[in-house]
Amino acid sequence: MTPSSAARETPWAEETRWVLAAEETPWSEIPGVQLIGAILGILLLVAAIRALFGKGR
């Protein structure tokens, strides 16, 4: 039995291939990550503008 055939016989071999396929996707291309990044970016921008102009009252 070769190491490659032993990996195919394990019950988690298919799951391992699925996880490895998911690792090929960069974080920046996942829609949920883009959405969270956009929301955090807007919140930080608003906080920075408020820090510059909001303390004048």
PDB file of N, CA and C in Angstrom:
ATOM      1  N   MET A   1       0.857  -1.178   0.000  1.00  0.00           N
ATOM      2  CA  MET A   1       0.000   0.000   0.000  1.00  0.00           C
ATOM      3  C   MET A   1       0.906   1.244   0.000  1.00  0.00           C
ATOM      4  N   THR A   2       0.722   2.095  -0.993  1.00  0.00           N
ATOM      5  CA  THR A   2       1.519   3.313  -1.077  1.00  0.00           C
ATOM      6  C   THR A   2       0.868   4.394  -0.221  1.00  0.00           C
ATOM      7  N   PRO A   3       1.628   5.412   0.175  1.00  0.00           N
ATOM      8  CA  PRO A   3       1.043   6.492   0.996  1.00  0.00           C
ATOM      9  C   PRO A   3      -0.120   7.194   0.315  1.00  0.00           C
ATOM     10  N   SER A   4      -0.070   7.340  -1.020  1.00  0.00           N
ATOM     11  CA  SER A   4      -1.168   8.023  -1.697  1.00  0.00           C
ATOM     12  C   SER A   4      -2.439   7.189  -1.685  1.00  0.00           C
ATOM     13  N   SER A   5      -2.318   5.859  -1.821  1.00  0.00           N
ATOM     14  CA  SER A   5      -3.515   5.023  -1.780  1.00  0.00           C
ATOM     15  C   SER A   5      -4.051   4.915  -0.361  1.00  0.00           C
ATOM     16  N   ALA A   6      -3.168   5.014   0.644  1.00  0.00           N
ATOM     17  CA  ALA A   6      -3.627   4.976   2.036  1.00  0.00           C
ATOM     18  C   ALA A   6      -4.439   6.226   2.352  1.00  0.00           C
ATOM     19  N   ALA A   7      -4.056   7.350   1.797  1.00  0.00           N
ATOM     20  CA  ALA A   7      -4.801   8.589   2.040  1.00  0.00           C
ATOM     21  C   ALA A   7      -6.187   8.523   1.411  1.00  0.00           C
ATOM     22  N   ARG A   8      -6.298   7.836   0.277  1.00  0.00           N
ATOM     23  CA  ARG A   8      -7.594   7.729  -0.379  1.00  0.00           C
ATOM     24  C   ARG A   8      -8.544   6.805   0.375  1.00  0.00           C
ATOM     25  N   GLU A   9      -8.013   5.881   1.139  1.00  0.00           N
ATOM     26  CA  GLU A   9      -8.856   4.931   1.843  1.00  0.00           C
ATOM     27  C   GLU A   9      -9.384   5.463   3.172  1.00  0.00           C
ATOM     28  N   THR A  10      -8.856   6.550   3.663  1.00  0.00           N
ATOM     29  CA  THR A  10      -9.306   7.074   4.948  1.00  0.00           C
ATOM     30  C   THR A  10     -10.661   7.751   4.780  1.00  0.00           C
ATOM     31  N   PRO A  11     -11.508   7.692   5.793  1.00  0.00           N
ATOM     32  CA  PRO A  11     -12.840   8.299   5.671  1.00  0.00           C
ATOM     33  C   PRO A  11     -12.809   9.822   5.586  1.00  0.00           C
ATOM     34  N   TRP A  12     -11.752  10.447   6.049  1.00  0.00           N
ATOM     35  CA  TRP A  12     -11.683  11.916   6.034  1.00  0.00           C
ATOM     36  C   TRP A  12     -10.920  12.436   4.830  1.00  0.00           C
ATOM     37  N   ALA A  13     -10.542  11.559   3.902  1.00  0.00           N
ATOM     38  CA  ALA A  13      -9.762  11.989   2.740  1.00  0.00           C
ATOM     39  C   ALA A  13     -10.551  12.968   1.883  1.00  0.00           C
ATOM     40  N   GLU A  14     -11.845  12.712   1.678  1.00  0.00           N
ATOM     41  CA  GLU A  14     -12.652  13.625   0.871  1.00  0.00           C
ATOM     42  C   GLU A  14     -12.795  14.976   1.556  1.00  0.00           C
ATOM     43  N   GLU A  15     -12.985  14.988   2.872  1.00  0.00           N
ATOM     44  CA  GLU A  15     -13.076  16.248   3.609  1.00  0.00           C
ATOM     45  C   GLU A  15     -11.759  17.008   3.526  1.00  0.00           C
ATOM     46  N   THR A  16     -10.649  16.289   3.550  1.00  0.00           N
ATOM     47  CA  THR A  16      -9.340  16.925   3.469  1.00  0.00           C
ATOM     48  C   THR A  16      -9.182  17.620   2.130  1.00  0.00           C
ATOM     49  N   ARG A  17      -9.622  16.968   1.070  1.00  0.00           N
ATOM     50  CA  ARG A  17      -9.540  17.613  -0.250  1.00  0.00           C
ATOM     51  C   ARG A  17     -10.408  18.855  -0.293  1.00  0.00           C
ATOM     52  N   TRP A  18     -11.568  18.824   0.354  1.00  0.00           N
ATOM     53  CA  TRP A  18     -12.449  19.983   0.370  1.00  0.00           C
ATOM     54  C   TRP A  18     -11.805  21.135   1.123  1.00  0.00           C
ATOM     55  N   VAL A  19     -11.174  20.855   2.260  1.00  0.00           N
ATOM     56  CA  VAL A  19     -10.509  21.897   3.035  1.00  0.00           C
ATOM     57  C   VAL A  19      -9.349  22.480   2.240  1.00  0.00           C
ATOM     58  N   LEU A  20      -8.594  21.628   1.573  1.00  0.00           N
ATOM     59  CA  LEU A  20      -7.478  22.121   0.781  1.00  0.00           C
ATOM     60  C   LEU A  20      -7.962  22.990  -0.376  1.00  0.00           C
ATOM     61  N   ALA A  21      -9.107  22.662  -0.956  1.00  0.00           N
ATOM     62  CA  ALA A  21      -9.657  23.492  -2.025  1.00  0.00           C
ATOM     63  C   ALA A  21     -10.082  24.851  -1.474  1.00  0.00           C
ATOM     64  N   ALA A  22     -10.573  24.882  -0.249  1.00  0.00           N
ATOM     65  CA  ALA A  22     -10.988  26.147   0.352  1.00  0.00           C
ATOM     66  C   ALA A  22      -9.778  27.016   0.668  1.00  0.00           C
ATOM     67  N   GLU A  23      -8.633  26.395   0.924  1.00  0.00           N
ATOM     68  CA  GLU A  23      -7.439  27.172   1.240  1.00  0.00           C
ATOM     69  C   GLU A  23      -6.916  27.931   0.030  1.00  0.00           C
ATOM     70  N   GLU A  24      -7.330  27.557  -1.166  1.00  0.00           N
ATOM     71  CA  GLU A  24      -6.857  28.241  -2.369  1.00  0.00           C
ATOM     72  C   GLU A  24      -7.542  29.593  -2.569  1.00  0.00           C
ATOM     73  N   THR A  25      -8.652  29.839  -1.900  1.00  0.00           N
ATOM     74  CA  THR A  25      -9.377  31.094  -2.046  1.00  0.00           C
ATOM     75  C   THR A  25      -8.775  32.151  -1.137  1.00  0.00           C
ATOM     76  N   PRO A  26      -8.333  33.283  -1.686  1.00  0.00           N
ATOM     77  CA  PRO A  26      -7.788  34.349  -0.833  1.00  0.00           C
ATOM     78  C   PRO A  26      -8.886  34.966   0.033  1.00  0.00           C
ATOM     79  N   TRP A  27      -8.492  35.448   1.209  1.00  0.00           N
ATOM     80  CA  TRP A  27      -9.462  36.057   2.128  1.00  0.00           C
ATOM     81  C   TRP A  27     -10.174  37.242   1.494  1.00  0.00           C
ATOM     82  N   SER A  28      -9.479  37.985   0.662  1.00  0.00           N
ATOM     83  CA  SER A  28     -10.058  39.204   0.092  1.00  0.00           C
ATOM     84  C   SER A  28     -11.169  38.916  -0.914  1.00  0.00           C
ATOM     85  N   GLU A  29     -11.307  37.674  -1.360  1.00  0.00           N
ATOM     86  CA  GLU A  29     -12.349  37.344  -2.341  1.00  0.00           C
ATOM     87  C   GLU A  29     -13.598  36.750  -1.706  1.00  0.00           C
ATOM     88  N   ILE A  30     -13.634  36.591  -0.395  1.00  0.00           N
ATOM     89  CA  ILE A  30     -14.803  36.026   0.272  1.00  0.00           C
ATOM     90  C   ILE A  30     -15.783  37.165   0.541  1.00  0.00           C
ATOM     91  N   PRO A  31     -17.026  37.064   0.061  1.00  0.00           N
ATOM     92  CA  PRO A  31     -17.979  38.181   0.189  1.00  0.00           C
ATOM     93  C   PRO A  31     -18.230  38.622   1.632  1.00  0.00           C
ATOM     94  N   GLY A  32     -18.288  37.703   2.566  1.00  0.00           N
ATOM     95  CA  GLY A  32     -18.509  38.070   3.970  1.00  0.00           C
ATOM     96  C   GLY A  32     -17.365  38.905   4.522  1.00  0.00           C
ATOM     97  N   VAL A  33     -16.149  38.559   4.136  1.00  0.00           N
ATOM     98  CA  VAL A  33     -14.981  39.315   4.590  1.00  0.00           C
ATOM     99  C   VAL A  33     -14.985  40.705   3.966  1.00  0.00           C
ATOM    100  N   GLN A  34     -15.378  40.804   2.706  1.00  0.00           N
ATOM    101  CA  GLN A  34     -15.468  42.111   2.054  1.00  0.00           C
ATOM    102  C   GLN A  34     -16.510  42.988   2.737  1.00  0.00           C
ATOM    103  N   LEU A  35     -17.646  42.399   3.100  1.00  0.00           N
ATOM    104  CA  LEU A  35     -18.707  43.161   3.750  1.00  0.00           C
ATOM    105  C   LEU A  35     -18.262  43.657   5.121  1.00  0.00           C
ATOM    106  N   ILE A  36     -17.658  42.788   5.910  1.00  0.00           N
ATOM    107  CA  ILE A  36     -17.169  43.192   7.235  1.00  0.00           C
ATOM    108  C   ILE A  36     -16.092  44.260   7.097  1.00  0.00           C
ATOM    109  N   GLY A  37     -15.214  44.116   6.116  1.00  0.00           N
ATOM    110  CA  GLY A  37     -14.180  45.119   5.881  1.00  0.00           C
ATOM    111  C   GLY A  37     -14.761  46.467   5.501  1.00  0.00           C
ATOM    112  N   ALA A  38     -15.794  46.456   4.673  1.00  0.00           N
ATOM    113  CA  ALA A  38     -16.434  47.706   4.270  1.00  0.00           C
ATOM    114  C   ALA A  38     -17.106  48.386   5.456  1.00  0.00           C
ATOM    115  N   ILE A  39     -17.811  47.607   6.277  1.00  0.00           N
ATOM    116  CA  ILE A  39     -18.487  48.177   7.448  1.00  0.00           C
ATOM    117  C   ILE A  39     -17.478  48.743   8.431  1.00  0.00           C
ATOM    118  N   LEU A  40     -16.411  47.987   8.721  1.00  0.00           N
ATOM    119  CA  LEU A  40     -15.385  48.489   9.644  1.00  0.00           C
ATOM    120  C   LEU A  40     -14.680  49.725   9.086  1.00  0.00           C
ATOM    121  N   GLY A  41     -14.448  49.732   7.783  1.00  0.00           N
ATOM    122  CA  GLY A  41     -13.813  50.894   7.165  1.00  0.00           C
ATOM    123  C   GLY A  41     -14.664  52.145   7.286  1.00  0.00           C
ATOM    124  N   ILE A  42     -15.963  52.007   7.046  1.00  0.00           N
ATOM    125  CA  ILE A  42     -16.873  53.146   7.170  1.00  0.00           C
ATOM    126  C   ILE A  42     -16.937  53.629   8.617  1.00  0.00           C
ATOM    127  N   LEU A  43     -17.020  52.672   9.561  1.00  0.00           N
ATOM    128  CA  LEU A  43     -17.072  53.066  10.975  1.00  0.00           C
ATOM    129  C   LEU A  43     -15.804  53.801  11.408  1.00  0.00           C
ATOM    130  N   LEU A  44     -14.651  53.321  10.965  1.00  0.00           N
ATOM    131  CA  LEU A  44     -13.399  54.003  11.311  1.00  0.00           C
ATOM    132  C   LEU A  44     -13.307  55.381  10.666  1.00  0.00           C
ATOM    133  N   LEU A  45     -13.794  55.500   9.447  1.00  0.00           N
ATOM    134  CA  LEU A  45     -13.784  56.802   8.775  1.00  0.00           C
ATOM    135  C   LEU A  45     -14.702  57.789   9.494  1.00  0.00           C
ATOM    136  N   VAL A  46     -15.887  57.349   9.879  1.00  0.00           N
ATOM    137  CA  VAL A  46     -16.816  58.214  10.618  1.00  0.00           C
ATOM    138  C   VAL A  46     -16.215  58.595  11.971  1.00  0.00           C
ATOM    139  N   ALA A  47     -15.584  57.654  12.649  1.00  0.00           N
ATOM    140  CA  ALA A  47     -14.965  57.948  13.937  1.00  0.00           C
ATOM    141  C   ALA A  47     -13.840  58.960  13.787  1.00  0.00           C
ATOM    142  N   ALA A  48     -13.062  58.853  12.720  1.00  0.00           N
ATOM    143  CA  ALA A  48     -11.973  59.803  12.492  1.00  0.00           C
ATOM    144  C   ALA A  48     -12.519  61.198  12.193  1.00  0.00           C
ATOM    145  N   ILE A  49     -13.569  61.298  11.396  1.00  0.00           N
ATOM    146  CA  ILE A  49     -14.167  62.599  11.088  1.00  0.00           C
ATOM    147  C   ILE A  49     -14.782  63.218  12.335  1.00  0.00           C
ATOM    148  N   ARG A  50     -15.445  62.375  13.133  1.00  0.00           N
ATOM    149  CA  ARG A  50     -16.021  62.899  14.385  1.00  0.00           C
ATOM    150  C   ARG A  50     -14.934  63.361  15.337  1.00  0.00           C
ATOM    151  N   ALA A  51     -13.792  62.662  15.354  1.00  0.00           N
ATOM    152  CA  ALA A  51     -12.688  63.067  16.222  1.00  0.00           C
ATOM    153  C   ALA A  51     -12.106  64.410  15.762  1.00  0.00           C
ATOM    154  N   LEU A  52     -12.095  64.644  14.462  1.00  0.00           N
ATOM    155  CA  LEU A  52     -11.563  65.911  13.962  1.00  0.00           C
ATOM    156  C   LEU A  52     -12.518  67.077  14.189  1.00  0.00           C
ATOM    157  N   PHE A  53     -13.803  66.876  13.929  1.00  0.00           N
ATOM    158  CA  PHE A  53     -14.742  67.978  13.942  1.00  0.00           C
ATOM    159  C   PHE A  53     -15.784  67.909  15.054  1.00  0.00           C
ATOM    160  N   GLY A  54     -15.955  66.782  15.696  1.00  0.00           N
ATOM    161  CA  GLY A  54     -17.010  66.610  16.667  1.00  0.00           C
ATOM    162  C   GLY A  54     -16.711  67.170  18.042  1.00  0.00           C
ATOM    163  N   LYS A  55     -15.478  67.452  18.370  1.00  0.00           N
ATOM    164  CA  LYS A  55     -15.111  67.925  19.697  1.00  0.00           C
ATOM    165  C   LYS A  55     -15.273  69.434  19.863  1.00  0.00           C
ATOM    166  N   GLY A  56     -15.710  70.129  18.835  1.00  0.00           N
ATOM    167  CA  GLY A  56     -15.803  71.590  18.891  1.00  0.00           C
ATOM    168  C   GLY A  56     -16.959  72.115  19.712  1.00  0.00           C
ATOM    169  N   ARG A  57     -17.905  71.322  20.078  1.00  0.00           N
ATOM    170  CA  ARG A  57     -19.079  71.801  20.820  1.00  0.00           C
ATOM    171  C   ARG A  57     -18.767  72.163  22.224  1.00  0.00           C
TER     172      ARG A  57
END
